[in-house]
C-alpha cells in the first residue's frame, strides 16, 4: 500500500519537477532538472541580464574514493549546456580555450587540457601552478605559481617567455632580516603562517593580467598589494592597495579603471588608476578567500560571491542585482564565455 501511494505521488509531482519554472515578472523561464537535484538554481533573471554562457567549476567533487573537478557551462536562463567531470584535476581553476577544450590545474603540479568528455589531451608540468589560467592571443598561457611567489608566460611546450619572482623585488620575511621571526613560532603563529615560505607562498600571488602596453597587473594577497610590473625589465612601476583593501582577489583592469574583489571588506571596488581613488563600490559580499569580479559585454559586472554560494550580475553604477545563480558548493570564480 505504501509503495502504491509513493508511485501515485510521483506521478502527481513529476510534471512540476520536470517543468519547474522561475517567475521573472511578466515572463517565466524553464529551469533544468538539475535544479531539482540541488546543484544550482537561477533565482533572478531580467531583461538586463547578460547574453553569454557562464562557466564555473566545482572542486572536491566526490567520485567514489577520489575527488574531481566538475565544469558547468550554463546559459543566461539557467539551462545546463555542458557538464564535464575531470578526475585528473584537483582545483577549480578553469579556462575555456579557443579550440573549445578546457584548461584546468592539477594543483601545484601541472596544467591539463581536457576535451568535452573530460579526457586529458595534453599536460604541461608546472610546479606551483595555481589560481588562474589565461590563454593569451598568442596562444601562450599566463599562470601564477603561487607557492613559488611568481608567475610565468609560457607555452604548452614548456618554453618560458617571461617570468617574474616576488623575491627579486620584495624582500621576504626570514630570520636574516626580521629580528622577531623566530619568536613567531611561540607567540604569533598566525603571522608566522602568513609571512613564511610555506605551501601557499609568503606573498600568495593569486592573479596576473597582461595589459595592452605589455606590462602585467599582479595581485599579492598576503601583502594586500596590487602591482604593475614592466613587461621587459620586471621592475615594479605602479602599486596600489595599502590601507585600501584586505587580501584581495582579481584586480582586473578595463580601460583606465581597475575592479578589485576586496575580501577583507566584503565588497567589490572600482579604482581610478590615474588617481588611485575608489570611485565606486558594491558591498554585502562574503568571501574570506576566493571571490572574483569580471566585466561583461553589456557593461555589467559578474561577481562570484564565493561563501554566499552565488554568482551575481550587478549593474554599474546603480548596483542593482539583475541576475543571480545559487549553487550548493563554494565557487571560486565564474566568467562569461568570450570575456577575458
C-alpha atoms as a PDB file:
ATOM      1  CA  UNK A   1       0.000   0.000   0.000  1.00  0.00           C
ATOM      2  CA  UNK A   2       2.814   2.366   0.903  1.00  0.00           C
ATOM      3  CA  UNK A   3       4.565   1.620  -2.393  1.00  0.00           C
ATOM      4  CA  UNK A   4       1.376   2.315  -4.367  1.00  0.00           C
ATOM      5  CA  UNK A   5       0.965   5.650  -2.610  1.00  0.00           C
ATOM      6  CA  UNK A   6       4.575   6.566  -3.469  1.00  0.00           C
ATOM      7  CA  UNK A   7       4.037   5.760  -7.159  1.00  0.00           C
ATOM      8  CA  UNK A   8       0.853   7.865  -7.281  1.00  0.00           C
ATOM      9  CA  UNK A   9       2.604  10.750  -5.534  1.00  0.00           C
ATOM     10  CA  UNK A  10       5.488  10.564  -8.010  1.00  0.00           C
ATOM     11  CA  UNK A  11       3.133  10.825 -10.987  1.00  0.00           C
ATOM     12  CA  UNK A  12       1.366  13.781  -9.398  1.00  0.00           C
ATOM     13  CA  UNK A  13       4.601  15.659  -8.760  1.00  0.00           C
ATOM     14  CA  UNK A  14       6.520  14.655 -11.885  1.00  0.00           C
ATOM     15  CA  UNK A  15       5.124  17.371 -14.178  1.00  0.00           C
ATOM     16  CA  UNK A  16       6.098  20.000 -11.635  1.00  0.00           C
ATOM     17  CA  UNK A  17       9.609  18.597 -11.219  1.00  0.00           C
ATOM     18  CA  UNK A  18      10.306  18.424 -14.930  1.00  0.00           C
ATOM     19  CA  UNK A  19       8.753  21.769 -15.833  1.00  0.00           C
ATOM     20  CA  UNK A  20       9.969  23.763 -12.859  1.00  0.00           C
ATOM     21  CA  UNK A  21       9.778  27.489 -13.667  1.00  0.00           C
ATOM     22  CA  UNK A  22      11.014  30.784 -12.311  1.00  0.00           C
ATOM     23  CA  UNK A  23       8.876  33.903 -12.112  1.00  0.00           C
ATOM     24  CA  UNK A  24      10.703  36.848 -13.689  1.00  0.00           C
ATOM     25  CA  UNK A  25       7.992  39.464 -13.816  1.00  0.00           C
ATOM     26  CA  UNK A  26       5.913  39.143 -16.987  1.00  0.00           C
ATOM     27  CA  UNK A  27       7.782  36.107 -18.308  1.00  0.00           C
ATOM     28  CA  UNK A  28       8.562  32.666 -16.988  1.00  0.00           C
ATOM     29  CA  UNK A  29      11.784  30.775 -17.621  1.00  0.00           C
ATOM     30  CA  UNK A  30      12.000  26.970 -17.750  1.00  0.00           C
ATOM     31  CA  UNK A  31      14.670  25.563 -15.478  1.00  0.00           C
ATOM     32  CA  UNK A  32      16.589  22.308 -15.954  1.00  0.00           C
ATOM     33  CA  UNK A  33      16.054  19.142 -13.937  1.00  0.00           C
ATOM     34  CA  UNK A  34      19.432  19.749 -12.270  1.00  0.00           C
ATOM     35  CA  UNK A  35      17.677  22.389 -10.166  1.00  0.00           C
ATOM     36  CA  UNK A  36      15.706  19.605  -8.506  1.00  0.00           C
ATOM     37  CA  UNK A  37      18.946  17.711  -7.924  1.00  0.00           C
ATOM     38  CA  UNK A  38      20.110  20.749  -5.961  1.00  0.00           C
ATOM     39  CA  UNK A  39      23.300  21.616  -7.878  1.00  0.00           C
ATOM     40  CA  UNK A  40      22.249  25.144  -8.705  1.00  0.00           C
ATOM     41  CA  UNK A  41      19.165  27.317  -9.070  1.00  0.00           C
ATOM     42  CA  UNK A  42      18.660  30.531 -11.001  1.00  0.00           C
ATOM     43  CA  UNK A  43      16.911  32.871  -8.566  1.00  0.00           C
ATOM     44  CA  UNK A  44      16.888  36.048 -10.637  1.00  0.00           C
ATOM     45  CA  UNK A  45      16.745  36.719 -14.372  1.00  0.00           C
ATOM     46  CA  UNK A  46      15.795  40.004 -16.028  1.00  0.00           C
ATOM     47  CA  UNK A  47      15.831  41.729 -19.394  1.00  0.00           C
ATOM     48  CA  UNK A  48      19.060  43.464 -18.345  1.00  0.00           C
ATOM     49  CA  UNK A  49      20.919  40.170 -17.848  1.00  0.00           C
ATOM     50  CA  UNK A  50      23.903  39.045 -19.921  1.00  0.00           C
ATOM     51  CA  UNK A  51      23.532  37.001 -23.112  1.00  0.00           C
ATOM     52  CA  UNK A  52      26.714  34.901 -22.851  1.00  0.00           C
ATOM     53  CA  UNK A  53      27.063  31.449 -21.305  1.00  0.00           C
ATOM     54  CA  UNK A  54      28.666  31.354 -17.855  1.00  0.00           C
ATOM     55  CA  UNK A  55      31.331  28.817 -16.874  1.00  0.00           C
ATOM     56  CA  UNK A  56      32.114  27.852 -13.283  1.00  0.00           C
ATOM     57  CA  UNK A  57      33.679  24.862 -11.603  1.00  0.00           C
ATOM     58  CA  UNK A  58      33.138  22.742  -8.512  1.00  0.00           C
ATOM     59  CA  UNK A  59      36.234  21.203  -6.972  1.00  0.00           C
ATOM     60  CA  UNK A  60      36.398  18.497  -4.339  1.00  0.00           C
ATOM     61  CA  UNK A  61      33.554  16.665  -6.092  1.00  0.00           C
ATOM     62  CA  UNK A  62      33.406  13.075  -4.839  1.00  0.00           C
ATOM     63  CA  UNK A  63      33.681  10.305  -7.400  1.00  0.00           C
ATOM     64  CA  UNK A  64      33.928   7.091  -5.451  1.00  0.00           C
ATOM     65  CA  UNK A  65      37.144   7.181  -3.449  1.00  0.00           C
ATOM     66  CA  UNK A  66      38.647  10.190  -5.257  1.00  0.00           C
ATOM     67  CA  UNK A  67      37.800  13.830  -5.843  1.00  0.00           C
ATOM     68  CA  UNK A  68      37.415  15.617  -9.157  1.00  0.00           C
ATOM     69  CA  UNK A  69      36.652  18.963 -10.737  1.00  0.00           C
ATOM     70  CA  UNK A  70      33.280  19.420 -12.399  1.00  0.00           C
ATOM     71  CA  UNK A  71      32.857  22.132 -15.037  1.00  0.00           C
ATOM     72  CA  UNK A  72      29.393  23.624 -15.543  1.00  0.00           C
ATOM     73  CA  UNK A  73      28.505  25.762 -18.558  1.00  0.00           C
ATOM     74  CA  UNK A  74      25.176  27.488 -18.019  1.00  0.00           C
ATOM     75  CA  UNK A  75      23.198  29.749 -20.343  1.00  0.00           C
ATOM     76  CA  UNK A  76      21.626  33.047 -19.145  1.00  0.00           C
ATOM     77  CA  UNK A  77      18.301  31.335 -18.433  1.00  0.00           C
ATOM     78  CA  UNK A  78      19.882  28.742 -16.165  1.00  0.00           C
ATOM     79  CA  UNK A  79      19.924  25.820 -18.578  1.00  0.00           C
ATOM     80  CA  UNK A  80      22.858  23.451 -18.266  1.00  0.00           C
ATOM     81  CA  UNK A  81      24.745  23.458 -21.583  1.00  0.00           C
ATOM     82  CA  UNK A  82      27.703  21.319 -20.558  1.00  0.00           C
ATOM     83  CA  UNK A  83      28.841  19.274 -17.571  1.00  0.00           C
ATOM     84  CA  UNK A  84      32.324  17.748 -17.563  1.00  0.00           C
ATOM     85  CA  UNK A  85      33.828  15.650 -14.758  1.00  0.00           C
ATOM     86  CA  UNK A  86      37.643  15.756 -14.710  1.00  0.00           C
ATOM     87  CA  UNK A  87      39.102  13.221 -12.329  1.00  0.00           C
ATOM     88  CA  UNK A  88      42.669  14.242 -13.176  1.00  0.00           C
ATOM     89  CA  UNK A  89      42.165  17.792 -11.846  1.00  0.00           C
ATOM     90  CA  UNK A  90      42.231  18.919  -8.237  1.00  0.00           C
ATOM     91  CA  UNK A  91      41.393  22.636  -8.239  1.00  0.00           C
ATOM     92  CA  UNK A  92      38.638  24.815  -9.636  1.00  0.00           C
ATOM     93  CA  UNK A  93      40.884  26.896 -11.887  1.00  0.00           C
ATOM     94  CA  UNK A  94      39.272  26.503 -15.289  1.00  0.00           C
ATOM     95  CA  UNK A  95      39.561  28.293 -18.617  1.00  0.00           C
ATOM     96  CA  UNK A  96      37.803  27.658 -21.937  1.00  0.00           C
ATOM     97  CA  UNK A  97      40.431  27.581 -24.680  1.00  0.00           C
ATOM     98  CA  UNK A  98      39.968  28.942 -28.191  1.00  0.00           C
ATOM     99  CA  UNK A  99      39.836  25.394 -29.593  1.00  0.00           C
ATOM    100  CA  UNK A 100      36.806  24.543 -27.422  1.00  0.00           C
ATOM    101  CA  UNK A 101      38.714  22.468 -24.879  1.00  0.00           C
ATOM    102  CA  UNK A 102      39.298  23.490 -21.263  1.00  0.00           C
ATOM    103  CA  UNK A 103      42.496  24.181 -19.350  1.00  0.00           C
ATOM    104  CA  UNK A 104      42.449  23.107 -15.695  1.00  0.00           C
ATOM    105  CA  UNK A 105      45.066  22.723 -12.990  1.00  0.00           C
ATOM    106  CA  UNK A 106      46.289  19.741 -11.095  1.00  0.00           C
ATOM    107  CA  UNK A 107      47.003  21.890  -8.072  1.00  0.00           C
ATOM    108  CA  UNK A 108      50.640  22.751  -7.665  1.00  0.00           C
ATOM    109  CA  UNK A 109      51.803  20.282 -10.315  1.00  0.00           C
ATOM    110  CA  UNK A 110      50.534  20.795 -13.836  1.00  0.00           C
ATOM    111  CA  UNK A 111      48.098  22.343 -16.298  1.00  0.00           C
ATOM    112  CA  UNK A 112      45.866  19.956 -18.196  1.00  0.00           C
ATOM    113  CA  UNK A 113      43.994  20.452 -21.452  1.00  0.00           C
ATOM    114  CA  UNK A 114      40.805  18.371 -21.454  1.00  0.00           C
ATOM    115  CA  UNK A 115      38.139  17.794 -24.074  1.00  0.00           C
ATOM    116  CA  UNK A 116      34.359  17.903 -23.668  1.00  0.00           C
ATOM    117  CA  UNK A 117      34.350  14.324 -22.346  1.00  0.00           C
ATOM    118  CA  UNK A 118      36.911  15.048 -19.652  1.00  0.00           C
ATOM    119  CA  UNK A 119      39.771  13.286 -21.417  1.00  0.00           C
ATOM    120  CA  UNK A 120      43.246  14.755 -20.944  1.00  0.00           C
ATOM    121  CA  UNK A 121      44.540  15.895 -24.347  1.00  0.00           C
ATOM    122  CA  UNK A 122      47.907  17.227 -23.163  1.00  0.00           C
ATOM    123  CA  UNK A 123      49.690  18.174 -19.998  1.00  0.00           C
ATOM    124  CA  UNK A 124      52.148  20.903 -19.070  1.00  0.00           C
ATOM    125  CA  UNK A 125      54.229  20.154 -15.991  1.00  0.00           C
ATOM    126  CA  UNK A 126      54.424  23.374 -13.994  1.00  0.00           C
ATOM    127  CA  UNK A 127      55.227  23.232 -10.301  1.00  0.00           C
ATOM    128  CA  UNK A 128      53.277  25.778  -8.251  1.00  0.00           C
ATOM    129  CA  UNK A 129      50.576  26.409 -10.887  1.00  0.00           C
ATOM    130  CA  UNK A 130      47.517  27.690  -9.103  1.00  0.00           C
ATOM    131  CA  UNK A 131      44.558  30.081  -9.028  1.00  0.00           C
ATOM    132  CA  UNK A 132      44.283  31.063 -12.670  1.00  0.00           C
ATOM    133  CA  UNK A 133      44.943  30.127 -16.282  1.00  0.00           C
ATOM    134  CA  UNK A 134      44.695  32.690 -19.089  1.00  0.00           C
ATOM    135  CA  UNK A 135      45.173  31.898 -22.762  1.00  0.00           C
ATOM    136  CA  UNK A 136      46.659  34.959 -24.463  1.00  0.00           C
ATOM    137  CA  UNK A 137      46.033  35.899 -28.099  1.00  0.00           C
ATOM    138  CA  UNK A 138      49.420  34.387 -28.929  1.00  0.00           C
ATOM    139  CA  UNK A 139      48.254  31.026 -27.581  1.00  0.00           C
ATOM    140  CA  UNK A 140      50.642  31.281 -24.652  1.00  0.00           C
ATOM    141  CA  UNK A 141      49.416  30.764 -21.102  1.00  0.00           C
ATOM    142  CA  UNK A 142      49.662  33.226 -18.242  1.00  0.00           C
ATOM    143  CA  UNK A 143      49.818  31.355 -14.926  1.00  0.00           C
ATOM    144  CA  UNK A 144      50.511  32.299 -11.284  1.00  0.00           C
ATOM    145  CA  UNK A 145      52.890  29.939  -9.482  1.00  0.00           C
ATOM    146  CA  UNK A 146      51.527  30.786  -6.072  1.00  0.00           C
ATOM    147  CA  UNK A 147      53.688  28.506  -3.965  1.00  0.00           C
ATOM    148  CA  UNK A 148      56.775  29.998  -5.628  1.00  0.00           C
ATOM    149  CA  UNK A 149      55.545  33.615  -5.361  1.00  0.00           C
ATOM    150  CA  UNK A 150      55.958  34.065  -9.109  1.00  0.00           C
ATOM    151  CA  UNK A 151      54.155  33.967 -12.438  1.00  0.00           C
ATOM    152  CA  UNK A 152      55.083  32.867 -15.945  1.00  0.00           C
ATOM    153  CA  UNK A 153      54.084  33.476 -19.531  1.00  0.00           C
ATOM    154  CA  UNK A 154      54.640  30.054 -21.049  1.00  0.00           C
ATOM    155  CA  UNK A 155      53.560  27.861 -23.967  1.00  0.00           C
ATOM    156  CA  UNK A 156      52.384  24.244 -23.940  1.00  0.00           C
ATOM    157  CA  UNK A 157      55.876  23.016 -24.854  1.00  0.00           C
ATOM    158  CA  UNK A 158      57.177  24.490 -21.603  1.00  0.00           C
ATOM    159  CA  UNK A 159      59.084  27.385 -23.167  1.00  0.00           C
ATOM    160  CA  UNK A 160      59.034  30.377 -20.798  1.00  0.00           C
ATOM    161  CA  UNK A 161      58.761  33.816 -22.422  1.00  0.00           C
ATOM    162  CA  UNK A 162      58.597  35.861 -19.226  1.00  0.00           C
ATOM    163  CA  UNK A 163      58.938  35.046 -15.540  1.00  0.00           C
ATOM    164  CA  UNK A 164      58.597  37.311 -12.533  1.00  0.00           C
ATOM    165  CA  UNK A 165      59.575  36.394  -8.967  1.00  0.00           C
ATOM    166  CA  UNK A 166      58.496  38.430  -5.963  1.00  0.00           C
ATOM    167  CA  UNK A 167      61.732  37.731  -4.098  1.00  0.00           C
ATOM    168  CA  UNK A 168      63.725  39.576  -6.790  1.00  0.00           C
ATOM    169  CA  UNK A 169      61.855  42.794  -5.999  1.00  0.00           C
ATOM    170  CA  UNK A 170      60.402  42.494  -2.495  1.00  0.00           C
ATOM    171  CA  UNK A 171      62.433  41.345   0.465  1.00  0.00           C
ATOM    172  CA  UNK A 172      60.885  38.294   2.092  1.00  0.00           C
ATOM    173  CA  UNK A 173      60.477  37.762   5.822  1.00  0.00           C
ATOM    174  CA  UNK A 174      63.224  35.497   7.119  1.00  0.00           C
ATOM    175  CA  UNK A 175      65.431  35.017  10.213  1.00  0.00           C
ATOM    176  CA  UNK A 176      68.050  37.124   8.407  1.00  0.00           C
ATOM    177  CA  UNK A 177      66.005  40.277   8.076  1.00  0.00           C
ATOM    178  CA  UNK A 178      63.276  40.077  10.717  1.00  0.00           C
ATOM    179  CA  UNK A 179      64.554  40.090  14.274  1.00  0.00           C
ATOM    180  CA  UNK A 180      61.356  38.664  15.705  1.00  0.00           C
ATOM    181  CA  UNK A 181      60.924  35.883  13.182  1.00  0.00           C
ATOM    182  CA  UNK A 182      61.924  33.003  15.480  1.00  0.00           C
ATOM    183  CA  UNK A 183      59.573  34.204  18.202  1.00  0.00           C
ATOM    184  CA  UNK A 184      56.629  33.820  15.861  1.00  0.00           C
ATOM    185  CA  UNK A 185      56.694  30.065  16.448  1.00  0.00           C
ATOM    186  CA  UNK A 186      55.831  30.726  20.074  1.00  0.00           C
ATOM    187  CA  UNK A 187      53.791  33.922  20.263  1.00  0.00           C
ATOM    188  CA  UNK A 188      52.327  34.822  16.866  1.00  0.00           C
ATOM    189  CA  UNK A 189      51.710  31.619  14.965  1.00  0.00           C
ATOM    190  CA  UNK A 190      49.130  33.201  12.640  1.00  0.00           C
ATOM    191  CA  UNK A 191      51.653  35.823  11.495  1.00  0.00           C
ATOM    192  CA  UNK A 192      54.318  33.187  11.005  1.00  0.00           C
ATOM    193  CA  UNK A 193      51.988  31.158   8.797  1.00  0.00           C
ATOM    194  CA  UNK A 194      51.278  34.113   6.502  1.00  0.00           C
ATOM    195  CA  UNK A 195      54.759  35.552   6.093  1.00  0.00           C
ATOM    196  CA  UNK A 196      56.859  32.441   5.652  1.00  0.00           C
ATOM    197  CA  UNK A 197      57.909  30.045   2.923  1.00  0.00           C
ATOM    198  CA  UNK A 198      55.061  27.602   3.291  1.00  0.00           C
ATOM    199  CA  UNK A 199      52.653  25.833   0.989  1.00  0.00           C
ATOM    200  CA  UNK A 200      50.753  28.967  -0.005  1.00  0.00           C
ATOM    201  CA  UNK A 201      53.739  31.248  -0.630  1.00  0.00           C
ATOM    202  CA  UNK A 202      54.684  34.216   1.511  1.00  0.00           C
ATOM    203  CA  UNK A 203      53.059  36.759  -0.848  1.00  0.00           C
ATOM    204  CA  UNK A 204      50.350  34.366  -2.086  1.00  0.00           C
ATOM    205  CA  UNK A 205      50.443  35.677  -5.662  1.00  0.00           C
ATOM    206  CA  UNK A 206      46.909  34.872  -6.814  1.00  0.00           C
ATOM    207  CA  UNK A 207      46.246  36.794 -10.043  1.00  0.00           C
ATOM    208  CA  UNK A 208      48.047  38.195 -13.092  1.00  0.00           C
ATOM    209  CA  UNK A 209      46.762  40.087 -16.129  1.00  0.00           C
ATOM    210  CA  UNK A 210      48.695  41.204 -19.207  1.00  0.00           C
ATOM    211  CA  UNK A 211      47.924  44.785 -20.221  1.00  0.00           C
ATOM    212  CA  UNK A 212      47.851  46.218 -23.734  1.00  0.00           C
ATOM    213  CA  UNK A 213      51.135  48.042 -23.045  1.00  0.00           C
ATOM    214  CA  UNK A 214      52.857  44.711 -22.404  1.00  0.00           C
ATOM    215  CA  UNK A 215      53.039  45.177 -18.635  1.00  0.00           C
ATOM    216  CA  UNK A 216      51.412  42.917 -16.063  1.00  0.00           C
ATOM    217  CA  UNK A 217      48.981  43.544 -13.204  1.00  0.00           C
ATOM    218  CA  UNK A 218      49.909  41.294 -10.263  1.00  0.00           C
ATOM    219  CA  UNK A 219      47.997  40.587  -7.049  1.00  0.00           C
ATOM    220  CA  UNK A 220      49.923  39.774  -3.853  1.00  0.00           C
ATOM    221  CA  UNK A 221      47.178  38.690  -1.490  1.00  0.00           C
ATOM    222  CA  UNK A 222      49.132  38.428   1.757  1.00  0.00           C
ATOM    223  CA  UNK A 223      50.521  41.939   1.325  1.00  0.00           C
ATOM    224  CA  UNK A 224      47.125  43.425   0.309  1.00  0.00           C
ATOM    225  CA  UNK A 225      49.022  44.892  -2.615  1.00  0.00           C
ATOM    226  CA  UNK A 226      48.486  45.220  -6.363  1.00  0.00           C
ATOM    227  CA  UNK A 227      51.448  45.874  -8.670  1.00  0.00           C
ATOM    228  CA  UNK A 228      52.030  46.834 -12.266  1.00  0.00           C
ATOM    229  CA  UNK A 229      55.179  45.103 -13.478  1.00  0.00           C
ATOM    230  CA  UNK A 230      57.203  46.225 -16.501  1.00  0.00           C
ATOM    231  CA  UNK A 231      56.891  43.516 -19.152  1.00  0.00           C
ATOM    232  CA  UNK A 232      60.519  43.899 -20.254  1.00  0.00           C
ATOM    233  CA  UNK A 233      62.503  44.529 -17.083  1.00  0.00           C
ATOM    234  CA  UNK A 234      60.233  43.113 -14.357  1.00  0.00           C
ATOM    235  CA  UNK A 235      60.537  46.337 -12.394  1.00  0.00           C
ATOM    236  CA  UNK A 236      57.565  47.484 -10.331  1.00  0.00           C
ATOM    237  CA  UNK A 237      56.199  50.667 -11.954  1.00  0.00           C
ATOM    238  CA  UNK A 238      52.917  51.169 -10.040  1.00  0.00           C
ATOM    239  CA  UNK A 239      51.415  49.972  -6.747  1.00  0.00           C
ATOM    240  CA  UNK A 240      48.004  50.167  -5.125  1.00  0.00           C
ATOM    241  CA  UNK A 241      46.182  48.626  -2.184  1.00  0.00           C
ATOM    242  CA  UNK A 242      47.889  49.659   1.051  1.00  0.00           C
ATOM    243  CA  UNK A 243      45.200  50.677   3.598  1.00  0.00           C
ATOM    244  CA  UNK A 244      42.541  50.314   0.848  1.00  0.00           C
ATOM    245  CA  UNK A 245      41.834  46.575   0.591  1.00  0.00           C
ATOM    246  CA  UNK A 246      42.473  43.397   2.562  1.00  0.00           C
ATOM    247  CA  UNK A 247      43.613  40.115   0.961  1.00  0.00           C
ATOM    248  CA  UNK A 248      42.183  40.933  -2.467  1.00  0.00           C
ATOM    249  CA  UNK A 249      41.428  38.760  -5.499  1.00  0.00           C
ATOM    250  CA  UNK A 250      41.161  39.552  -9.216  1.00  0.00           C
ATOM    251  CA  UNK A 251      42.353  43.163  -9.536  1.00  0.00           C
ATOM    252  CA  UNK A 252      41.364  43.305 -13.208  1.00  0.00           C
ATOM    253  CA  UNK A 253      41.873  46.337 -15.434  1.00  0.00           C
ATOM    254  CA  UNK A 254      39.414  47.618 -18.044  1.00  0.00           C
ATOM    255  CA  UNK A 255      40.380  50.847 -19.795  1.00  0.00           C
ATOM    256  CA  UNK A 256      41.699  53.194 -17.094  1.00  0.00           C
ATOM    257  CA  UNK A 257      39.864  51.541 -14.212  1.00  0.00           C
ATOM    258  CA  UNK A 258      40.612  48.524 -12.048  1.00  0.00           C
ATOM    259  CA  UNK A 259      37.964  46.370 -10.376  1.00  0.00           C
ATOM    260  CA  UNK A 260      39.032  44.509  -7.239  1.00  0.00           C
ATOM    261  CA  UNK A 261      37.332  41.853  -5.126  1.00  0.00           C
ATOM    262  CA  UNK A 262      38.156  43.166  -1.640  1.00  0.00           C
ATOM    263  CA  UNK A 263      37.818  40.043   0.511  1.00  0.00           C
ATOM    264  CA  UNK A 264      38.523  41.601   3.903  1.00  0.00           C
ATOM    265  CA  UNK A 265      35.909  44.307   3.458  1.00  0.00           C
ATOM    266  CA  UNK A 266      33.291  42.149   1.715  1.00  0.00           C
ATOM    267  CA  UNK A 267      32.979  44.307  -1.386  1.00  0.00           C
ATOM    268  CA  UNK A 268      33.998  44.976  -4.980  1.00  0.00           C
ATOM    269  CA  UNK A 269      35.631  48.331  -5.642  1.00  0.00           C
ATOM    270  CA  UNK A 270      36.318  50.299  -8.813  1.00  0.00           C
ATOM    271  CA  UNK A 271      39.595  52.209  -8.765  1.00  0.00           C
ATOM    272  CA  UNK A 272      40.629  55.131 -10.956  1.00  0.00           C
ATOM    273  CA  UNK A 273      44.152  54.083 -11.896  1.00  0.00           C
ATOM    274  CA  UNK A 274      45.248  57.660 -12.558  1.00  0.00           C
ATOM    275  CA  UNK A 275      44.377  58.887  -9.052  1.00  0.00           C
ATOM    276  CA  UNK A 276      44.309  55.640  -7.052  1.00  0.00           C
ATOM    277  CA  UNK A 277      40.928  56.626  -5.618  1.00  0.00           C
ATOM    278  CA  UNK A 278      37.983  54.290  -5.165  1.00  0.00           C
ATOM    279  CA  UNK A 279      35.166  55.743  -7.296  1.00  0.00           C
ATOM    280  CA  UNK A 280      32.513  53.022  -6.850  1.00  0.00           C
ATOM    281  CA  UNK A 281      31.830  50.024  -4.637  1.00  0.00           C
ATOM    282  CA  UNK A 282      29.360  47.191  -4.180  1.00  0.00           C
ATOM    283  CA  UNK A 283      29.041  45.772  -0.660  1.00  0.00           C
ATOM    284  CA  UNK A 284      27.364  42.833   1.060  1.00  0.00           C
ATOM    285  CA  UNK A 285      29.691  40.086  -0.195  1.00  0.00           C
ATOM    286  CA  UNK A 286      31.282  37.324   1.874  1.00  0.00           C
ATOM    287  CA  UNK A 287      34.443  35.516   0.811  1.00  0.00           C
ATOM    288  CA  UNK A 288      37.255  35.172   3.376  1.00  0.00           C
ATOM    289  CA  UNK A 289      39.140  33.552   0.478  1.00  0.00           C
ATOM    290  CA  UNK A 290      38.349  33.148  -3.230  1.00  0.00           C
ATOM    291  CA  UNK A 291      35.876  35.567  -4.856  1.00  0.00           C
ATOM    292  CA  UNK A 292      36.031  37.177  -8.285  1.00  0.00           C
ATOM    293  CA  UNK A 293      34.813  40.076 -10.436  1.00  0.00           C
ATOM    294  CA  UNK A 294      34.647  40.452 -14.238  1.00  0.00           C
ATOM    295  CA  UNK A 295      33.044  42.978 -16.581  1.00  0.00           C
ATOM    296  CA  UNK A 296      30.506  41.591 -19.030  1.00  0.00           C
ATOM    297  CA  UNK A 297      29.955  42.636 -22.656  1.00  0.00           C
ATOM    298  CA  UNK A 298      26.830  44.594 -21.621  1.00  0.00           C
ATOM    299  CA  UNK A 299      28.842  46.662 -19.134  1.00  0.00           C
ATOM    300  CA  UNK A 300      27.505  44.934 -16.028  1.00  0.00           C
ATOM    301  CA  UNK A 301      29.731  43.123 -13.528  1.00  0.00           C
ATOM    302  CA  UNK A 302      29.782  39.370 -12.930  1.00  0.00           C
ATOM    303  CA  UNK A 303      30.684  38.776  -9.277  1.00  0.00           C
ATOM    304  CA  UNK A 304      31.468  35.421  -7.670  1.00  0.00           C
ATOM    305  CA  UNK A 305      30.312  35.791  -4.051  1.00  0.00           C
ATOM    306  CA  UNK A 306      32.013  32.579  -3.014  1.00  0.00           C
ATOM    307  CA  UNK A 307      30.983  31.898   0.588  1.00  0.00           C
ATOM    308  CA  UNK A 308      27.435  33.088  -0.049  1.00  0.00           C
ATOM    309  CA  UNK A 309      27.489  30.329  -2.698  1.00  0.00           C
ATOM    310  CA  UNK A 310      26.233  32.505  -5.514  1.00  0.00           C
ATOM    311  CA  UNK A 311      27.184  34.246  -8.741  1.00  0.00           C
ATOM    312  CA  UNK A 312      25.510  37.591  -9.388  1.00  0.00           C
ATOM    313  CA  UNK A 313      25.330  40.159 -12.161  1.00  0.00           C
ATOM    314  CA  UNK A 314      25.308  43.750 -10.956  1.00  0.00           C
ATOM    315  CA  UNK A 315      24.643  46.973 -12.842  1.00  0.00           C
ATOM    316  CA  UNK A 316      27.055  49.868 -12.555  1.00  0.00           C
ATOM    317  CA  UNK A 317      26.687  52.499 -11.182  1.00  0.00           C
ATOM    318  CA  UNK A 318      23.210  51.574  -9.866  1.00  0.00           C
ATOM    319  CA  UNK A 319      24.420  48.487  -8.002  1.00  0.00           C
ATOM    320  CA  UNK A 320      21.274  46.508  -8.839  1.00  0.00           C
ATOM    321  CA  UNK A 321      21.427  42.699  -8.970  1.00  0.00           C
ATOM    322  CA  UNK A 322      19.832  41.685 -12.282  1.00  0.00           C
ATOM    323  CA  UNK A 323      20.875  38.010 -12.381  1.00  0.00           C
ATOM    324  CA  UNK A 324      21.638  35.534  -9.603  1.00  0.00           C
ATOM    325  CA  UNK A 325      22.693  31.904  -9.602  1.00  0.00           C
ATOM    326  CA  UNK A 326      22.750  29.989  -6.305  1.00  0.00           C
ATOM    327  CA  UNK A 327      24.910  26.859  -6.087  1.00  0.00           C
ATOM    328  CA  UNK A 328      25.338  24.184  -3.413  1.00  0.00           C
ATOM    329  CA  UNK A 329      29.132  24.441  -3.230  1.00  0.00           C
ATOM    330  CA  UNK A 330      31.711  27.226  -2.786  1.00  0.00           C
ATOM    331  CA  UNK A 331      32.566  28.527  -6.283  1.00  0.00           C
ATOM    332  CA  UNK A 332      35.961  30.127  -6.823  1.00  0.00           C
ATOM    333  CA  UNK A 333      35.293  32.173  -9.930  1.00  0.00           C
ATOM    334  CA  UNK A 334      32.775  32.335 -12.737  1.00  0.00           C
ATOM    335  CA  UNK A 335      33.274  34.051 -16.062  1.00  0.00           C
ATOM    336  CA  UNK A 336      31.407  34.658 -19.300  1.00  0.00           C
ATOM    337  CA  UNK A 337      32.406  32.800 -22.443  1.00  0.00           C
ATOM    338  CA  UNK A 338      34.240  35.178 -24.748  1.00  0.00           C
ATOM    339  CA  UNK A 339      35.389  37.539 -21.988  1.00  0.00           C
ATOM    340  CA  UNK A 340      38.879  37.950 -20.501  1.00  0.00           C
END
